Amino acid sequence: MSIKVLGICGSLRAKSVTAKAVQVALEGAKLSGAETTFIDLADLALPFCDGRDDEESYPQAVLDFRVAVRDVQGVILGTPEYHNSLTGALKNALDLCSFSEFEHKMVGVIGVAGGGMGAINSINHLRTIMRGVGAWVVPHQVSISNSSRFSANDFGEHTKLLTDRLTRLGTDVTKFARLIAAGVIDVDTDDTI
């Protein structure tokens, strides 16, 4: 059964550690047999969600983004932690979507922080937002601390640890998305086989 997983980077910084983390998680999804796609919000220039009544009047970039989310079974969201939360860019992108895009999707979350405490607040906020649109967030999550020690190409001495954790996240998203797609987990009635 073909499973598609989309990775979304919520950092607008060029060559961000967040983008690297999402791409590593997508490699885990690919190793589990998923077809993967990566979207960097820095490349989209999405407008602000303004609550308009005619949502089809948004620019084509918004419509394309919604289709990209709608057409997959799993999503991996990555964000740097800014002021104890996710980035405004990622929140805006998620606000441009709705239940139609996220309901019953398996989602994995990644938070990246410059400080030593990690990105637990942004991860918790992403979990709350995903519940609000009917998505299922996998239990495993990845919080990366002290990101200033890393580059967009190298996690330094922590490469194996972070690569293993991120790979597992991608694997988990794919595995659970496959169970839903196969009907093993019936998301409409909460019955399981």
N, C-alpha and C. Protein backbone atom coordinates (compact mmCIF):
# COMPACT_ATOMS: atom_id res chain seq x y z
N MET A 1 0.84 -1.18 0.00
CA MET A 1 0.00 0.00 0.00
C MET A 1 0.89 1.24 0.00
N SER A 2 0.62 2.14 -0.93
CA SER A 2 1.43 3.34 -1.07
C SER A 2 1.04 4.39 -0.03
N ILE A 3 2.02 4.87 0.69
CA ILE A 3 1.81 5.91 1.71
C ILE A 3 2.65 7.12 1.31
N LYS A 4 2.04 8.30 1.41
CA LYS A 4 2.75 9.54 1.11
C LYS A 4 2.91 10.33 2.40
N VAL A 5 4.11 10.85 2.62
CA VAL A 5 4.41 11.65 3.80
C VAL A 5 5.01 12.98 3.35
N LEU A 6 4.46 14.05 3.89
CA LEU A 6 4.90 15.40 3.57
C LEU A 6 5.64 15.99 4.77
N GLY A 7 6.81 16.55 4.53
CA GLY A 7 7.54 17.27 5.57
C GLY A 7 7.41 18.76 5.35
N ILE A 8 7.09 19.49 6.41
CA ILE A 8 6.93 20.96 6.32
C ILE A 8 7.90 21.62 7.29
N CYS A 9 8.77 22.47 6.74
CA CYS A 9 9.71 23.22 7.56
C CYS A 9 9.13 24.59 7.87
N GLY A 10 8.97 24.88 9.16
CA GLY A 10 8.39 26.15 9.60
C GLY A 10 9.40 27.24 9.85
N SER A 11 10.64 27.02 9.48
CA SER A 11 11.67 28.05 9.63
C SER A 11 11.80 28.82 8.33
N LEU A 12 11.95 30.13 8.43
CA LEU A 12 12.18 30.93 7.22
C LEU A 12 13.66 31.21 7.01
N ARG A 13 14.49 30.69 7.89
CA ARG A 13 15.93 30.90 7.81
C ARG A 13 16.53 30.04 6.70
N ALA A 14 17.41 30.62 5.90
CA ALA A 14 18.09 29.85 4.86
C ALA A 14 18.99 28.81 5.51
N LYS A 15 19.02 27.61 4.96
CA LYS A 15 19.86 26.52 5.45
C LYS A 15 19.65 26.29 6.95
N SER A 16 18.42 26.11 7.34
CA SER A 16 18.11 25.98 8.76
C SER A 16 18.32 24.57 9.28
N VAL A 17 18.61 24.48 10.56
CA VAL A 17 18.72 23.19 11.24
C VAL A 17 17.36 22.50 11.23
N THR A 18 16.29 23.27 11.31
CA THR A 18 14.94 22.71 11.27
C THR A 18 14.70 21.98 9.95
N ALA A 19 15.08 22.60 8.84
CA ALA A 19 14.92 21.95 7.53
C ALA A 19 15.69 20.65 7.49
N LYS A 20 16.91 20.67 8.00
CA LYS A 20 17.74 19.46 8.04
C LYS A 20 17.03 18.37 8.85
N ALA A 21 16.48 18.73 10.01
CA ALA A 21 15.81 17.75 10.87
C ALA A 21 14.60 17.13 10.17
N VAL A 22 13.80 17.97 9.52
CA VAL A 22 12.63 17.46 8.80
C VAL A 22 13.06 16.52 7.67
N GLN A 23 14.10 16.88 6.97
CA GLN A 23 14.58 16.04 5.86
C GLN A 23 15.10 14.69 6.36
N VAL A 24 15.76 14.68 7.51
CA VAL A 24 16.22 13.41 8.08
C VAL A 24 15.02 12.55 8.46
N ALA A 25 13.99 13.16 9.06
CA ALA A 25 12.78 12.41 9.41
C ALA A 25 12.11 11.85 8.15
N LEU A 26 12.12 12.62 7.08
CA LEU A 26 11.56 12.13 5.81
C LEU A 26 12.34 10.94 5.28
N GLU A 27 13.64 10.92 5.54
CA GLU A 27 14.44 9.75 5.14
C GLU A 27 13.96 8.51 5.88
N GLY A 28 13.60 8.67 7.15
CA GLY A 28 13.03 7.56 7.92
C GLY A 28 11.73 7.08 7.31
N ALA A 29 10.90 8.02 6.87
CA ALA A 29 9.64 7.66 6.22
C ALA A 29 9.92 6.91 4.92
N LYS A 30 10.90 7.39 4.19
CA LYS A 30 11.26 6.74 2.92
C LYS A 30 11.78 5.33 3.15
N LEU A 31 12.58 5.16 4.20
CA LEU A 31 13.09 3.82 4.54
C LEU A 31 11.95 2.85 4.88
N SER A 32 10.83 3.41 5.34
CA SER A 32 9.67 2.60 5.68
C SER A 32 8.73 2.41 4.49
N GLY A 33 9.16 2.86 3.34
CA GLY A 33 8.39 2.63 2.12
C GLY A 33 7.50 3.78 1.68
N ALA A 34 7.58 4.92 2.35
CA ALA A 34 6.73 6.05 1.98
C ALA A 34 7.33 6.83 0.82
N GLU A 35 6.44 7.44 0.08
CA GLU A 35 6.82 8.41 -0.94
C GLU A 35 6.84 9.75 -0.21
N THR A 36 7.92 10.52 -0.31
CA THR A 36 8.05 11.73 0.50
C THR A 36 8.16 13.00 -0.34
N THR A 37 7.70 14.09 0.26
CA THR A 37 7.79 15.42 -0.32
C THR A 37 8.19 16.38 0.79
N PHE A 38 9.00 17.38 0.45
CA PHE A 38 9.45 18.38 1.42
C PHE A 38 8.99 19.76 0.98
N ILE A 39 8.40 20.50 1.91
CA ILE A 39 8.02 21.89 1.65
C ILE A 39 8.71 22.78 2.67
N ASP A 40 9.43 23.77 2.16
CA ASP A 40 10.06 24.78 3.00
C ASP A 40 9.20 26.03 2.88
N LEU A 41 8.59 26.45 3.98
CA LEU A 41 7.69 27.61 3.93
C LEU A 41 8.40 28.86 3.43
N ALA A 42 9.71 28.92 3.56
CA ALA A 42 10.46 30.07 3.07
C ALA A 42 10.33 30.22 1.55
N ASP A 43 10.01 29.12 0.87
CA ASP A 43 9.90 29.15 -0.58
C ASP A 43 8.50 29.51 -1.08
N LEU A 44 7.50 29.57 -0.19
CA LEU A 44 6.12 29.70 -0.65
C LEU A 44 5.55 31.11 -0.65
N ALA A 45 6.02 31.98 0.20
CA ALA A 45 5.47 33.34 0.31
C ALA A 45 3.95 33.30 0.49
N LEU A 46 3.50 32.52 1.48
CA LEU A 46 2.07 32.44 1.76
C LEU A 46 1.58 33.76 2.36
N PRO A 47 0.39 34.21 1.97
CA PRO A 47 -0.17 35.43 2.58
C PRO A 47 -0.70 35.12 3.97
N PHE A 48 -1.00 36.15 4.72
CA PHE A 48 -1.60 35.95 6.04
C PHE A 48 -3.00 35.38 5.89
N CYS A 49 -3.34 34.47 6.76
CA CYS A 49 -4.70 33.97 6.84
C CYS A 49 -5.55 35.11 7.39
N ASP A 50 -6.54 35.54 6.61
CA ASP A 50 -7.33 36.70 7.03
C ASP A 50 -8.80 36.37 7.29
N GLY A 51 -9.12 35.08 7.34
CA GLY A 51 -10.48 34.69 7.70
C GLY A 51 -11.52 34.99 6.63
N ARG A 52 -11.10 35.17 5.42
CA ARG A 52 -12.04 35.53 4.35
C ARG A 52 -13.09 34.44 4.15
N ASP A 53 -14.26 34.84 3.72
CA ASP A 53 -15.36 33.90 3.49
C ASP A 53 -15.11 33.03 2.27
N ASP A 54 -14.56 33.61 1.21
CA ASP A 54 -14.29 32.86 0.00
C ASP A 54 -12.84 32.39 0.02
N GLU A 55 -12.60 31.24 0.61
CA GLU A 55 -11.23 30.74 0.76
C GLU A 55 -10.58 30.42 -0.59
N GLU A 56 -11.40 30.18 -1.60
CA GLU A 56 -10.86 29.90 -2.94
C GLU A 56 -10.23 31.14 -3.57
N SER A 57 -10.42 32.31 -2.95
CA SER A 57 -9.86 33.55 -3.49
C SER A 57 -8.42 33.78 -3.04
N TYR A 58 -7.91 32.89 -2.19
CA TYR A 58 -6.50 32.99 -1.82
C TYR A 58 -5.63 32.75 -3.05
N PRO A 59 -4.40 33.23 -3.05
CA PRO A 59 -3.49 33.00 -4.18
C PRO A 59 -3.24 31.50 -4.41
N GLN A 60 -2.77 31.18 -5.60
CA GLN A 60 -2.53 29.79 -5.98
C GLN A 60 -1.58 29.08 -5.03
N ALA A 61 -0.63 29.80 -4.44
CA ALA A 61 0.32 29.17 -3.50
C ALA A 61 -0.42 28.54 -2.32
N VAL A 62 -1.47 29.19 -1.85
CA VAL A 62 -2.26 28.66 -0.74
C VAL A 62 -3.02 27.42 -1.18
N LEU A 63 -3.65 27.50 -2.35
CA LEU A 63 -4.42 26.36 -2.86
C LEU A 63 -3.50 25.16 -3.09
N ASP A 64 -2.31 25.41 -3.64
CA ASP A 64 -1.35 24.33 -3.88
C ASP A 64 -0.87 23.72 -2.56
N PHE A 65 -0.64 24.56 -1.57
CA PHE A 65 -0.21 24.07 -0.26
C PHE A 65 -1.28 23.17 0.34
N ARG A 66 -2.52 23.60 0.29
CA ARG A 66 -3.62 22.78 0.82
C ARG A 66 -3.70 21.43 0.11
N VAL A 67 -3.57 21.44 -1.20
CA VAL A 67 -3.61 20.18 -1.95
C VAL A 67 -2.46 19.27 -1.53
N ALA A 68 -1.28 19.86 -1.35
CA ALA A 68 -0.11 19.06 -0.94
C ALA A 68 -0.37 18.37 0.39
N VAL A 69 -1.01 19.06 1.32
CA VAL A 69 -1.32 18.47 2.63
C VAL A 69 -2.45 17.45 2.49
N ARG A 70 -3.46 17.79 1.72
CA ARG A 70 -4.63 16.92 1.56
C ARG A 70 -4.27 15.59 0.90
N ASP A 71 -3.26 15.61 0.02
CA ASP A 71 -2.96 14.43 -0.78
C ASP A 71 -2.00 13.43 -0.13
N VAL A 72 -1.71 13.60 1.15
CA VAL A 72 -0.80 12.67 1.84
C VAL A 72 -1.52 12.02 3.01
N GLN A 73 -0.93 10.94 3.50
CA GLN A 73 -1.48 10.26 4.67
C GLN A 73 -0.73 10.64 5.95
N GLY A 74 0.46 11.19 5.81
CA GLY A 74 1.27 11.57 6.97
C GLY A 74 1.95 12.90 6.75
N VAL A 75 2.17 13.63 7.86
CA VAL A 75 2.82 14.94 7.80
C VAL A 75 3.84 15.02 8.93
N ILE A 76 5.00 15.55 8.62
CA ILE A 76 6.01 15.82 9.63
C ILE A 76 6.20 17.33 9.68
N LEU A 77 5.93 17.91 10.85
CA LEU A 77 6.03 19.36 11.05
C LEU A 77 7.28 19.68 11.85
N GLY A 78 8.08 20.61 11.34
CA GLY A 78 9.25 21.05 12.07
C GLY A 78 9.22 22.55 12.27
N THR A 79 9.58 22.99 13.49
CA THR A 79 9.60 24.42 13.77
C THR A 79 10.73 24.76 14.72
N PRO A 80 11.37 25.90 14.52
CA PRO A 80 12.22 26.42 15.59
C PRO A 80 11.30 26.97 16.68
N GLU A 81 11.80 27.04 17.89
CA GLU A 81 11.00 27.61 18.96
C GLU A 81 11.36 29.08 19.10
N TYR A 82 10.36 29.94 18.87
CA TYR A 82 10.52 31.39 19.02
C TYR A 82 9.63 31.83 20.18
N HIS A 83 10.21 32.43 21.19
CA HIS A 83 9.45 32.95 22.33
C HIS A 83 8.49 31.90 22.89
N ASN A 84 9.00 30.70 23.09
CA ASN A 84 8.24 29.60 23.70
C ASN A 84 7.09 29.06 22.84
N SER A 85 7.17 29.21 21.53
CA SER A 85 6.13 28.65 20.68
C SER A 85 6.68 28.40 19.27
N LEU A 86 5.79 27.92 18.40
CA LEU A 86 6.17 27.69 17.02
C LEU A 86 6.27 29.02 16.29
N THR A 87 6.82 28.99 15.10
CA THR A 87 6.98 30.22 14.33
C THR A 87 5.64 30.72 13.82
N GLY A 88 5.56 32.02 13.63
CA GLY A 88 4.37 32.61 13.04
C GLY A 88 4.13 32.09 11.63
N ALA A 89 5.21 31.83 10.90
CA ALA A 89 5.08 31.32 9.53
C ALA A 89 4.38 29.97 9.51
N LEU A 90 4.77 29.08 10.43
CA LEU A 90 4.13 27.76 10.46
C LEU A 90 2.69 27.86 10.95
N LYS A 91 2.47 28.67 11.99
CA LYS A 91 1.09 28.83 12.49
C LYS A 91 0.19 29.39 11.40
N ASN A 92 0.68 30.36 10.66
CA ASN A 92 -0.11 30.93 9.56
C ASN A 92 -0.41 29.88 8.50
N ALA A 93 0.59 29.08 8.13
CA ALA A 93 0.37 28.02 7.12
C ALA A 93 -0.68 27.04 7.60
N LEU A 94 -0.62 26.67 8.88
CA LEU A 94 -1.61 25.74 9.43
C LEU A 94 -2.98 26.40 9.49
N ASP A 95 -3.03 27.69 9.78
CA ASP A 95 -4.31 28.41 9.81
C ASP A 95 -4.95 28.47 8.43
N LEU A 96 -4.16 28.44 7.40
CA LEU A 96 -4.68 28.44 6.03
C LEU A 96 -5.31 27.10 5.66
N CYS A 97 -5.10 26.10 6.51
CA CYS A 97 -5.67 24.77 6.29
C CYS A 97 -6.83 24.54 7.26
N SER A 98 -7.46 23.38 7.13
CA SER A 98 -8.60 23.08 8.00
C SER A 98 -8.69 21.56 8.19
N PHE A 99 -9.83 21.12 8.69
CA PHE A 99 -10.09 19.69 8.84
C PHE A 99 -9.89 18.97 7.51
N SER A 100 -10.31 19.60 6.40
CA SER A 100 -10.22 18.93 5.10
C SER A 100 -8.80 18.47 4.79
N GLU A 101 -7.83 19.23 5.26
CA GLU A 101 -6.45 18.88 4.97
C GLU A 101 -5.86 17.92 6.01
N PHE A 102 -6.25 18.03 7.26
CA PHE A 102 -5.55 17.31 8.32
C PHE A 102 -6.32 16.17 9.00
N GLU A 103 -7.63 16.13 8.88
CA GLU A 103 -8.37 15.12 9.63
C GLU A 103 -7.91 13.71 9.28
N HIS A 104 -7.63 12.94 10.33
CA HIS A 104 -7.19 11.54 10.25
C HIS A 104 -5.80 11.36 9.65
N LYS A 105 -5.03 12.43 9.56
CA LYS A 105 -3.64 12.31 9.11
C LYS A 105 -2.79 11.95 10.32
N MET A 106 -1.74 11.17 10.10
CA MET A 106 -0.74 10.92 11.13
C MET A 106 0.29 12.04 11.04
N VAL A 107 0.63 12.61 12.18
CA VAL A 107 1.54 13.75 12.21
C VAL A 107 2.67 13.49 13.20
N GLY A 108 3.88 13.85 12.80
CA GLY A 108 5.03 13.83 13.67
C GLY A 108 5.51 15.25 13.88
N VAL A 109 6.01 15.57 15.08
CA VAL A 109 6.41 16.94 15.37
C VAL A 109 7.88 17.00 15.81
N ILE A 110 8.53 18.06 15.33
CA ILE A 110 9.93 18.32 15.63
C ILE A 110 10.05 19.78 16.07
N GLY A 111 10.75 20.00 17.18
CA GLY A 111 11.02 21.36 17.64
C GLY A 111 12.51 21.56 17.77
N VAL A 112 12.98 22.73 17.36
CA VAL A 112 14.40 23.05 17.40
C VAL A 112 14.58 24.34 18.20
N ALA A 113 15.47 24.31 19.19
CA ALA A 113 15.67 25.49 20.03
C ALA A 113 17.15 25.84 20.15
N GLY A 114 17.42 27.11 20.25
CA GLY A 114 18.79 27.55 20.42
C GLY A 114 19.31 27.33 21.83
N GLY A 115 18.42 27.29 22.80
CA GLY A 115 18.81 27.12 24.19
C GLY A 115 18.84 25.67 24.63
N GLY A 116 19.28 25.48 25.86
CA GLY A 116 19.46 24.14 26.40
C GLY A 116 18.19 23.44 26.85
N MET A 117 17.08 24.16 26.95
CA MET A 117 15.83 23.55 27.42
C MET A 117 15.09 22.79 26.32
N GLY A 118 15.49 22.97 25.09
CA GLY A 118 14.79 22.30 24.00
C GLY A 118 13.55 23.07 23.58
N ALA A 119 12.71 22.42 22.79
CA ALA A 119 11.57 23.08 22.16
C ALA A 119 10.25 22.47 22.58
N ILE A 120 10.15 22.10 23.85
CA ILE A 120 8.96 21.39 24.32
C ILE A 120 7.69 22.22 24.20
N ASN A 121 7.78 23.54 24.38
CA ASN A 121 6.58 24.38 24.24
C ASN A 121 6.05 24.37 22.82
N SER A 122 6.93 24.53 21.84
CA SER A 122 6.45 24.53 20.45
C SER A 122 5.89 23.16 20.08
N ILE A 123 6.50 22.10 20.58
CA ILE A 123 5.98 20.75 20.32
C ILE A 123 4.59 20.59 20.92
N ASN A 124 4.42 21.03 22.16
CA ASN A 124 3.09 20.93 22.79
C ASN A 124 2.06 21.77 22.05
N HIS A 125 2.46 22.95 21.58
CA HIS A 125 1.52 23.80 20.83
C HIS A 125 1.14 23.13 19.51
N LEU A 126 2.10 22.50 18.86
CA LEU A 126 1.78 21.79 17.61
C LEU A 126 0.82 20.64 17.87
N ARG A 127 1.02 19.92 18.97
CA ARG A 127 0.11 18.83 19.32
C ARG A 127 -1.32 19.37 19.51
N THR A 128 -1.44 20.48 20.20
CA THR A 128 -2.75 21.08 20.44
C THR A 128 -3.41 21.52 19.13
N ILE A 129 -2.65 22.16 18.28
CA ILE A 129 -3.18 22.61 16.98
C ILE A 129 -3.63 21.41 16.15
N MET A 130 -2.83 20.37 16.13
CA MET A 130 -3.19 19.19 15.33
C MET A 130 -4.45 18.51 15.87
N ARG A 131 -4.62 18.49 17.19
CA ARG A 131 -5.88 17.96 17.75
C ARG A 131 -7.06 18.80 17.26
N GLY A 132 -6.83 20.09 17.15
CA GLY A 132 -7.89 21.00 16.72
C GLY A 132 -8.36 20.79 15.30
N VAL A 133 -7.52 20.18 14.47
CA VAL A 133 -7.91 19.90 13.08
C VAL A 133 -8.11 18.41 12.83
N GLY A 134 -8.22 17.64 13.91
CA GLY A 134 -8.57 16.23 13.77
C GLY A 134 -7.45 15.30 13.36
N ALA A 135 -6.20 15.74 13.49
CA ALA A 135 -5.06 14.89 13.14
C ALA A 135 -4.68 14.01 14.33
N TRP A 136 -3.92 12.98 14.06
CA TRP A 136 -3.41 12.06 15.07
C TRP A 136 -1.90 12.28 15.16
N VAL A 137 -1.42 12.70 16.33
CA VAL A 137 0.02 12.95 16.50
C VAL A 137 0.65 11.71 17.13
N VAL A 138 1.72 11.22 16.49
CA VAL A 138 2.38 10.03 17.03
C VAL A 138 3.02 10.37 18.37
N PRO A 139 3.12 9.39 19.27
CA PRO A 139 3.69 9.66 20.60
C PRO A 139 5.14 10.13 20.56
N HIS A 140 5.95 9.54 19.68
CA HIS A 140 7.37 9.91 19.60
C HIS A 140 7.47 11.32 19.02
N GLN A 141 8.30 12.14 19.62
CA GLN A 141 8.55 13.49 19.14
C GLN A 141 10.03 13.79 19.29
N VAL A 142 10.50 14.82 18.61
CA VAL A 142 11.92 15.16 18.70
C VAL A 142 12.07 16.64 19.05
N SER A 143 12.76 16.89 20.15
CA SER A 143 13.10 18.24 20.58
C SER A 143 14.62 18.36 20.52
N ILE A 144 15.10 19.28 19.74
CA ILE A 144 16.54 19.49 19.57
C ILE A 144 16.92 20.77 20.30
N SER A 145 17.86 20.66 21.24
CA SER A 145 18.32 21.82 22.00
C SER A 145 19.69 22.28 21.50
N ASN A 146 20.07 23.48 21.92
CA ASN A 146 21.39 24.03 21.59
C ASN A 146 21.70 23.95 20.09
N SER A 147 20.73 24.31 19.28
CA SER A 147 20.87 24.15 17.83
C SER A 147 21.99 25.00 17.22
N SER A 148 22.44 26.02 17.93
CA SER A 148 23.51 26.85 17.39
C SER A 148 24.82 26.07 17.23
N ARG A 149 24.90 24.89 17.87
CA ARG A 149 26.09 24.04 17.71
C ARG A 149 26.07 23.28 16.40
N PHE A 150 24.93 23.28 15.72
CA PHE A 150 24.78 22.47 14.51
C PHE A 150 24.74 23.37 13.28
N SER A 151 24.92 22.75 12.15
CA SER A 151 24.75 23.46 10.88
C SER A 151 23.63 22.75 10.13
N ALA A 152 23.25 23.32 9.01
CA ALA A 152 22.19 22.70 8.21
C ALA A 152 22.65 21.38 7.60
N ASN A 153 23.94 21.09 7.71
CA ASN A 153 24.47 19.85 7.14
C ASN A 153 25.00 18.88 8.18
N ASP A 154 25.12 19.31 9.43
CA ASP A 154 25.83 18.48 10.39
C ASP A 154 25.30 18.68 11.81
N PHE A 155 24.94 17.58 12.47
CA PHE A 155 24.53 17.64 13.87
C PHE A 155 25.71 17.42 14.80
N GLY A 156 26.92 17.49 14.26
CA GLY A 156 28.12 17.38 15.08
C GLY A 156 28.20 16.06 15.83
N GLU A 157 28.64 16.12 17.08
CA GLU A 157 28.83 14.91 17.88
C GLU A 157 27.50 14.20 18.17
N HIS A 158 26.39 14.87 17.94
CA HIS A 158 25.08 14.28 18.21
C HIS A 158 24.43 13.69 16.96
N THR A 159 25.19 13.57 15.88
CA THR A 159 24.61 13.12 14.61
C THR A 159 23.90 11.79 14.74
N LYS A 160 24.53 10.79 15.32
CA LYS A 160 23.89 9.47 15.40
C LYS A 160 22.64 9.51 16.26
N LEU A 161 22.71 10.12 17.43
CA LEU A 161 21.55 10.20 18.32
C LEU A 161 20.37 10.90 17.63
N LEU A 162 20.61 12.09 17.07
CA LEU A 162 19.52 12.84 16.45
C LEU A 162 19.02 12.17 15.18
N THR A 163 19.92 11.62 14.40
CA THR A 163 19.50 10.91 13.19
C THR A 163 18.63 9.72 13.55
N ASP A 164 19.00 8.97 14.57
CA ASP A 164 18.19 7.82 14.99
C ASP A 164 16.81 8.26 15.46
N ARG A 165 16.73 9.32 16.25
CA ARG A 165 15.44 9.79 16.77
C ARG A 165 14.57 10.35 15.64
N LEU A 166 15.16 11.11 14.75
CA LEU A 166 14.40 11.67 13.63
C LEU A 166 13.95 10.58 12.67
N THR A 167 14.82 9.62 12.42
CA THR A 167 14.45 8.49 11.55
C THR A 167 13.28 7.73 12.14
N ARG A 168 13.32 7.50 13.45
CA ARG A 168 12.22 6.80 14.10
C ARG A 168 10.91 7.57 13.96
N LEU A 169 10.98 8.90 14.06
CA LEU A 169 9.78 9.70 13.90
C LEU A 169 9.17 9.48 12.51
N GLY A 170 10.00 9.53 11.49
CA GLY A 170 9.51 9.29 10.13
C GLY A 170 8.95 7.89 9.95
N THR A 171 9.60 6.93 10.58
CA THR A 171 9.13 5.54 10.53
C THR A 171 7.77 5.41 11.22
N ASP A 172 7.62 6.02 12.39
CA ASP A 172 6.36 5.95 13.14
C ASP A 172 5.21 6.58 12.36
N VAL A 173 5.45 7.74 11.78
CA VAL A 173 4.39 8.40 11.00
C VAL A 173 3.94 7.48 9.86
N THR A 174 4.90 6.90 9.17
CA THR A 174 4.58 6.00 8.05
C THR A 174 3.85 4.76 8.52
N LYS A 175 4.33 4.16 9.58
CA LYS A 175 3.73 2.92 10.10
C LYS A 175 2.27 3.14 10.49
N PHE A 176 2.00 4.18 11.26
CA PHE A 176 0.63 4.42 11.70
C PHE A 176 -0.27 4.90 10.56
N ALA A 177 0.29 5.67 9.63
CA ALA A 177 -0.50 6.08 8.45
C ALA A 177 -0.90 4.85 7.65
N ARG A 178 0.00 3.90 7.55
CA ARG A 178 -0.29 2.65 6.82
C ARG A 178 -1.41 1.86 7.51
N LEU A 179 -1.39 1.82 8.84
CA LEU A 179 -2.44 1.11 9.58
C LEU A 179 -3.81 1.74 9.37
N ILE A 180 -3.85 3.07 9.34
CA ILE A 180 -5.12 3.75 9.08
C ILE A 180 -5.57 3.49 7.65
N ALA A 181 -4.64 3.62 6.69
CA ALA A 181 -4.99 3.41 5.28
C ALA A 181 -5.50 1.99 5.03
N ALA A 182 -4.95 1.02 5.77
CA ALA A 182 -5.35 -0.38 5.60
C ALA A 182 -6.63 -0.71 6.37
N GLY A 183 -7.14 0.22 7.16
CA GLY A 183 -8.35 -0.03 7.93
C GLY A 183 -8.12 -0.81 9.21
N VAL A 184 -6.87 -1.06 9.56
CA VAL A 184 -6.56 -1.76 10.82
C VAL A 184 -6.99 -0.89 12.00
N ILE A 185 -6.76 0.41 11.86
CA ILE A 185 -7.26 1.38 12.83
C ILE A 185 -8.41 2.10 12.15
N ASP A 186 -9.60 1.95 12.67
CA ASP A 186 -10.78 2.59 12.10
C ASP A 186 -10.96 3.94 12.80
N VAL A 187 -10.54 5.00 12.11
CA VAL A 187 -10.55 6.32 12.73
C VAL A 187 -11.95 6.91 12.85
N ASP A 188 -12.92 6.35 12.15
CA ASP A 188 -14.27 6.89 12.23
C ASP A 188 -15.05 6.36 13.41
N THR A 189 -14.70 5.15 13.89
CA THR A 189 -15.45 4.58 14.99
C THR A 189 -14.59 4.30 16.21
N ASP A 190 -13.29 4.52 16.11
CA ASP A 190 -12.33 4.24 17.17
C ASP A 190 -12.22 2.76 17.49
N ASP A 191 -12.79 1.90 16.66
CA ASP A 191 -12.61 0.44 16.85
C ASP A 191 -11.30 0.04 16.21
N THR A 192 -10.60 -0.88 16.85
CA THR A 192 -9.38 -1.41 16.26
C THR A 192 -9.51 -2.92 16.16
N ILE A 193 -8.77 -3.47 15.23
CA ILE A 193 -8.78 -4.92 15.04
C ILE A 193 -7.75 -5.55 15.95
